């Protein structure tokens, strides 16, 4: 493992250890002048596990990834992508508004 991919390997290991669909975990790594951006993709059923109550798990994962980056003299950020068919919006809520009796 080179210093350039330690952060990516660590994130993959961590996430695969806590999700129910480890085979669907994908981590993309991009480097630019701002630092390293790790983009995480997981099965939509695992999003709750990754985010955690109130986003606490996601914050902890981001902190760990930043620490690994600091040890390797890199600024590392984590982006968690919404999976296809996820519940990212308020689509159900907006559909329910038309059903209200006023």
N, C-alpha and C. Protein backbone atom coordinates (compact mmCIF):
# COMPACT_ATOMS: atom_id res chain seq x y z
N UNK A 1 0.83 -1.17 0.00
CA UNK A 1 0.00 0.00 0.00
C UNK A 1 0.88 1.25 0.00
N UNK A 2 0.68 2.13 -0.95
CA UNK A 2 1.45 3.37 -0.99
C UNK A 2 0.77 4.42 -0.13
N UNK A 3 1.52 5.46 0.19
CA UNK A 3 0.97 6.52 1.02
C UNK A 3 -0.22 7.20 0.32
N UNK A 4 -0.23 7.18 -1.01
CA UNK A 4 -1.29 7.84 -1.76
C UNK A 4 -2.63 7.13 -1.61
N UNK A 5 -2.63 5.83 -1.37
CA UNK A 5 -3.90 5.12 -1.32
C UNK A 5 -4.24 4.58 0.07
N UNK A 6 -3.46 4.91 1.06
CA UNK A 6 -3.74 4.44 2.42
C UNK A 6 -5.12 4.92 2.86
N UNK A 7 -5.46 6.16 2.56
CA UNK A 7 -6.77 6.70 2.95
C UNK A 7 -7.91 5.95 2.29
N UNK A 8 -7.77 5.65 1.01
CA UNK A 8 -8.81 4.93 0.28
C UNK A 8 -8.96 3.50 0.80
N UNK A 9 -7.85 2.82 1.02
CA UNK A 9 -7.89 1.46 1.53
C UNK A 9 -8.50 1.41 2.93
N UNK A 10 -8.15 2.38 3.76
CA UNK A 10 -8.70 2.45 5.11
C UNK A 10 -10.21 2.63 5.07
N UNK A 11 -10.68 3.57 4.24
CA UNK A 11 -12.12 3.84 4.16
C UNK A 11 -12.86 2.60 3.67
N UNK A 12 -12.35 1.94 2.65
CA UNK A 12 -13.00 0.73 2.14
C UNK A 12 -13.10 -0.33 3.23
N UNK A 13 -12.01 -0.55 3.94
CA UNK A 13 -11.99 -1.54 5.02
C UNK A 13 -13.01 -1.19 6.10
N UNK A 14 -13.02 0.06 6.53
CA UNK A 14 -13.92 0.52 7.58
C UNK A 14 -15.38 0.33 7.17
N UNK A 15 -15.73 0.79 6.00
CA UNK A 15 -17.12 0.75 5.54
C UNK A 15 -17.57 -0.70 5.31
N UNK A 16 -16.73 -1.51 4.68
CA UNK A 16 -17.09 -2.90 4.43
C UNK A 16 -17.30 -3.66 5.74
N UNK A 17 -16.67 -3.21 6.82
CA UNK A 17 -16.81 -3.86 8.12
C UNK A 17 -18.14 -3.57 8.79
N UNK A 18 -18.82 -2.48 8.40
CA UNK A 18 -20.05 -2.11 9.11
C UNK A 18 -21.32 -2.23 8.29
N UNK A 19 -21.22 -2.42 6.97
CA UNK A 19 -22.42 -2.51 6.14
C UNK A 19 -22.87 -3.95 5.94
N UNK A 20 -24.10 -4.13 5.48
CA UNK A 20 -24.62 -5.48 5.22
C UNK A 20 -24.37 -5.92 3.79
N UNK A 21 -23.99 -4.99 2.91
CA UNK A 21 -23.69 -5.31 1.51
C UNK A 21 -22.27 -4.84 1.17
N UNK A 22 -21.24 -5.47 1.75
CA UNK A 22 -19.86 -5.01 1.52
C UNK A 22 -19.41 -5.12 0.07
N UNK A 23 -20.02 -6.01 -0.69
CA UNK A 23 -19.64 -6.17 -2.08
C UNK A 23 -20.02 -4.96 -2.93
N UNK A 24 -20.91 -4.11 -2.43
CA UNK A 24 -21.36 -2.94 -3.18
C UNK A 24 -20.68 -1.65 -2.74
N UNK A 25 -19.72 -1.74 -1.85
CA UNK A 25 -18.98 -0.55 -1.41
C UNK A 25 -17.99 -0.15 -2.48
N UNK A 26 -18.02 1.13 -2.87
CA UNK A 26 -17.09 1.63 -3.88
C UNK A 26 -16.55 2.97 -3.40
N UNK A 27 -15.23 3.12 -3.45
CA UNK A 27 -14.59 4.36 -3.05
C UNK A 27 -13.77 4.88 -4.22
N UNK A 28 -14.11 6.09 -4.69
CA UNK A 28 -13.34 6.74 -5.75
C UNK A 28 -12.45 7.78 -5.10
N UNK A 29 -11.27 7.98 -5.66
CA UNK A 29 -10.30 8.92 -5.09
C UNK A 29 -9.85 9.90 -6.15
N UNK A 30 -9.97 11.20 -5.85
CA UNK A 30 -9.52 12.25 -6.77
C UNK A 30 -8.61 13.19 -6.00
N UNK A 31 -7.54 13.61 -6.64
CA UNK A 31 -6.59 14.53 -6.03
C UNK A 31 -6.54 15.79 -6.88
N UNK A 32 -6.65 16.95 -6.23
CA UNK A 32 -6.49 18.23 -6.92
C UNK A 32 -5.76 19.19 -5.99
N UNK A 33 -5.76 20.46 -6.33
CA UNK A 33 -5.04 21.45 -5.53
C UNK A 33 -5.64 21.64 -4.14
N UNK A 34 -6.88 21.23 -3.95
CA UNK A 34 -7.55 21.36 -2.65
C UNK A 34 -7.23 20.17 -1.73
N UNK A 35 -6.70 19.10 -2.28
CA UNK A 35 -6.39 17.92 -1.49
C UNK A 35 -6.99 16.67 -2.11
N UNK A 36 -7.34 15.73 -1.26
CA UNK A 36 -7.89 14.44 -1.70
C UNK A 36 -9.39 14.42 -1.44
N UNK A 37 -10.15 13.97 -2.42
CA UNK A 37 -11.59 13.79 -2.24
C UNK A 37 -11.91 12.32 -2.42
N UNK A 38 -12.42 11.70 -1.36
CA UNK A 38 -12.88 10.32 -1.42
C UNK A 38 -14.39 10.35 -1.57
N UNK A 39 -14.90 9.66 -2.57
CA UNK A 39 -16.34 9.59 -2.81
C UNK A 39 -16.80 8.17 -2.51
N UNK A 40 -17.73 8.06 -1.57
CA UNK A 40 -18.21 6.76 -1.10
C UNK A 40 -19.58 6.45 -1.69
N UNK A 41 -19.70 5.24 -2.23
CA UNK A 41 -20.99 4.76 -2.74
C UNK A 41 -21.29 3.43 -2.05
N UNK A 42 -22.51 3.31 -1.50
CA UNK A 42 -22.93 2.07 -0.85
C UNK A 42 -24.34 1.72 -1.30
N UNK A 43 -24.79 0.52 -0.98
CA UNK A 43 -26.15 0.08 -1.24
C UNK A 43 -27.11 0.99 -0.48
N UNK A 44 -28.28 1.29 -1.07
CA UNK A 44 -29.20 2.23 -0.41
C UNK A 44 -29.68 1.72 0.95
N UNK A 45 -29.69 0.41 1.15
CA UNK A 45 -30.09 -0.14 2.45
C UNK A 45 -29.05 0.14 3.54
N UNK A 46 -27.82 0.43 3.14
CA UNK A 46 -26.75 0.69 4.09
C UNK A 46 -26.58 2.18 4.42
N UNK A 47 -27.32 3.05 3.77
CA UNK A 47 -27.15 4.48 4.00
C UNK A 47 -27.42 4.87 5.46
N UNK A 48 -28.43 4.28 6.07
CA UNK A 48 -28.74 4.59 7.47
C UNK A 48 -27.59 4.22 8.39
N UNK A 49 -26.95 3.11 8.11
CA UNK A 49 -25.80 2.67 8.90
C UNK A 49 -24.64 3.65 8.74
N UNK A 50 -24.41 4.10 7.52
CA UNK A 50 -23.29 5.00 7.23
C UNK A 50 -23.53 6.39 7.82
N UNK A 51 -24.75 6.89 7.71
CA UNK A 51 -25.05 8.24 8.21
C UNK A 51 -25.18 8.23 9.74
N UNK A 52 -25.92 7.27 10.26
CA UNK A 52 -26.09 7.19 11.72
C UNK A 52 -27.14 8.18 12.22
N UNK A 53 -27.47 8.04 13.48
CA UNK A 53 -28.47 8.92 14.08
C UNK A 53 -27.93 10.34 14.15
N UNK A 54 -28.63 11.25 13.50
CA UNK A 54 -28.22 12.65 13.50
C UNK A 54 -26.92 12.90 12.76
N UNK A 55 -26.47 11.96 11.95
CA UNK A 55 -25.24 12.11 11.19
C UNK A 55 -23.98 11.82 12.00
N UNK A 56 -24.14 11.26 13.19
CA UNK A 56 -23.00 11.02 14.07
C UNK A 56 -21.99 10.04 13.48
N UNK A 57 -22.47 8.97 12.84
CA UNK A 57 -21.55 7.99 12.27
C UNK A 57 -20.78 8.60 11.11
N UNK A 58 -21.46 9.35 10.26
CA UNK A 58 -20.79 10.01 9.13
C UNK A 58 -19.72 10.98 9.63
N UNK A 59 -20.01 11.73 10.68
CA UNK A 59 -19.02 12.66 11.25
C UNK A 59 -17.81 11.90 11.77
N UNK A 60 -18.04 10.78 12.44
CA UNK A 60 -16.93 9.98 12.98
C UNK A 60 -16.08 9.41 11.84
N UNK A 61 -16.72 8.92 10.78
CA UNK A 61 -15.99 8.37 9.64
C UNK A 61 -15.15 9.47 9.00
N UNK A 62 -15.73 10.66 8.83
CA UNK A 62 -14.98 11.79 8.25
C UNK A 62 -13.77 12.14 9.11
N UNK A 63 -13.95 12.13 10.42
CA UNK A 63 -12.84 12.44 11.32
C UNK A 63 -11.72 11.42 11.18
N UNK A 64 -12.07 10.14 11.14
CA UNK A 64 -11.06 9.09 10.99
C UNK A 64 -10.30 9.22 9.67
N UNK A 65 -11.03 9.51 8.60
CA UNK A 65 -10.39 9.65 7.29
C UNK A 65 -9.45 10.86 7.29
N UNK A 66 -9.85 11.95 7.92
CA UNK A 66 -8.98 13.13 8.01
C UNK A 66 -7.71 12.82 8.79
N UNK A 67 -7.84 12.05 9.87
CA UNK A 67 -6.67 11.68 10.68
C UNK A 67 -5.69 10.84 9.86
N UNK A 68 -6.22 9.88 9.09
CA UNK A 68 -5.36 9.07 8.23
C UNK A 68 -4.66 9.98 7.21
N UNK A 69 -5.38 10.94 6.68
CA UNK A 69 -4.79 11.89 5.73
C UNK A 69 -3.69 12.72 6.37
N UNK A 70 -3.93 13.21 7.59
CA UNK A 70 -2.92 14.02 8.28
C UNK A 70 -1.64 13.23 8.51
N UNK A 71 -1.78 11.95 8.84
CA UNK A 71 -0.59 11.12 9.05
C UNK A 71 0.22 10.96 7.76
N UNK A 72 -0.43 11.16 6.63
CA UNK A 72 0.23 11.05 5.33
C UNK A 72 0.38 12.40 4.64
N UNK A 73 0.31 13.48 5.43
CA UNK A 73 0.48 14.85 4.92
C UNK A 73 -0.46 15.19 3.77
N UNK A 74 -1.72 14.81 3.90
CA UNK A 74 -2.70 15.10 2.87
C UNK A 74 -3.99 15.60 3.53
N UNK A 75 -4.66 16.51 2.86
CA UNK A 75 -5.97 16.98 3.31
C UNK A 75 -7.01 16.11 2.63
N UNK A 76 -7.73 15.33 3.42
CA UNK A 76 -8.68 14.36 2.86
C UNK A 76 -10.10 14.74 3.27
N UNK A 77 -10.99 14.77 2.29
CA UNK A 77 -12.40 15.02 2.53
C UNK A 77 -13.21 13.84 2.02
N UNK A 78 -14.38 13.64 2.61
CA UNK A 78 -15.23 12.51 2.24
C UNK A 78 -16.58 13.02 1.76
N UNK A 79 -17.00 12.49 0.61
CA UNK A 79 -18.32 12.77 0.07
C UNK A 79 -19.08 11.45 0.03
N UNK A 80 -20.26 11.43 0.63
CA UNK A 80 -21.09 10.23 0.63
C UNK A 80 -22.18 10.44 -0.41
N UNK A 81 -22.16 9.64 -1.47
CA UNK A 81 -23.13 9.81 -2.56
C UNK A 81 -24.45 9.13 -2.26
N UNK A 82 -25.52 9.80 -2.60
CA UNK A 82 -26.87 9.24 -2.47
C UNK A 82 -27.03 8.15 -3.52
N UNK A 83 -27.39 6.92 -3.13
CA UNK A 83 -27.55 5.84 -4.11
C UNK A 83 -28.80 6.04 -4.97
N UNK A 84 -28.81 5.38 -6.12
CA UNK A 84 -29.97 5.41 -7.01
C UNK A 84 -31.20 4.94 -6.25
N UNK A 85 -32.30 5.65 -6.39
CA UNK A 85 -33.53 5.26 -5.71
C UNK A 85 -33.53 5.57 -4.24
N UNK A 86 -32.60 6.41 -3.80
CA UNK A 86 -32.53 6.79 -2.39
C UNK A 86 -33.64 7.75 -2.02
N UNK A 87 -33.72 8.11 -0.76
CA UNK A 87 -34.79 8.99 -0.29
C UNK A 87 -34.27 10.40 -0.08
N UNK A 88 -33.46 10.89 -1.01
CA UNK A 88 -32.79 12.17 -0.85
C UNK A 88 -33.69 13.38 -0.78
N UNK A 89 -34.89 13.30 -1.32
CA UNK A 89 -35.76 14.47 -1.33
C UNK A 89 -37.00 14.27 -0.49
N UNK A 90 -37.90 15.23 -0.61
CA UNK A 90 -39.16 15.15 0.11
C UNK A 90 -40.27 14.79 -0.87
N UNK A 91 -40.01 13.87 -1.80
CA UNK A 91 -40.99 13.56 -2.84
C UNK A 91 -42.28 13.00 -2.25
N UNK A 92 -42.23 12.15 -1.24
CA UNK A 92 -43.43 11.61 -0.63
C UNK A 92 -44.21 12.73 0.06
N UNK A 93 -43.49 13.60 0.70
CA UNK A 93 -44.15 14.71 1.40
C UNK A 93 -44.89 15.60 0.45
N UNK A 94 -44.26 15.95 -0.69
CA UNK A 94 -44.92 16.84 -1.63
C UNK A 94 -46.14 16.15 -2.25
N UNK A 95 -46.11 14.83 -2.43
CA UNK A 95 -47.25 14.10 -2.97
C UNK A 95 -48.40 14.09 -1.98
N UNK A 96 -48.10 14.07 -0.69
CA UNK A 96 -49.14 14.04 0.33
C UNK A 96 -49.86 15.37 0.49
N UNK A 97 -49.25 16.47 0.08
CA UNK A 97 -49.87 17.79 0.26
C UNK A 97 -51.17 17.88 -0.53
N UNK A 98 -51.22 17.28 -1.71
CA UNK A 98 -52.43 17.32 -2.52
C UNK A 98 -53.58 16.53 -1.91
N UNK A 99 -53.29 15.65 -0.97
CA UNK A 99 -54.32 14.81 -0.35
C UNK A 99 -54.95 15.46 0.87
N UNK A 100 -54.48 16.63 1.25
CA UNK A 100 -54.99 17.27 2.46
C UNK A 100 -56.40 17.85 2.23
N UNK A 101 -57.28 17.66 3.19
CA UNK A 101 -58.60 18.28 3.15
C UNK A 101 -58.52 19.60 3.89
N UNK A 102 -58.76 20.67 3.16
CA UNK A 102 -58.68 22.00 3.80
C UNK A 102 -60.04 22.58 4.05
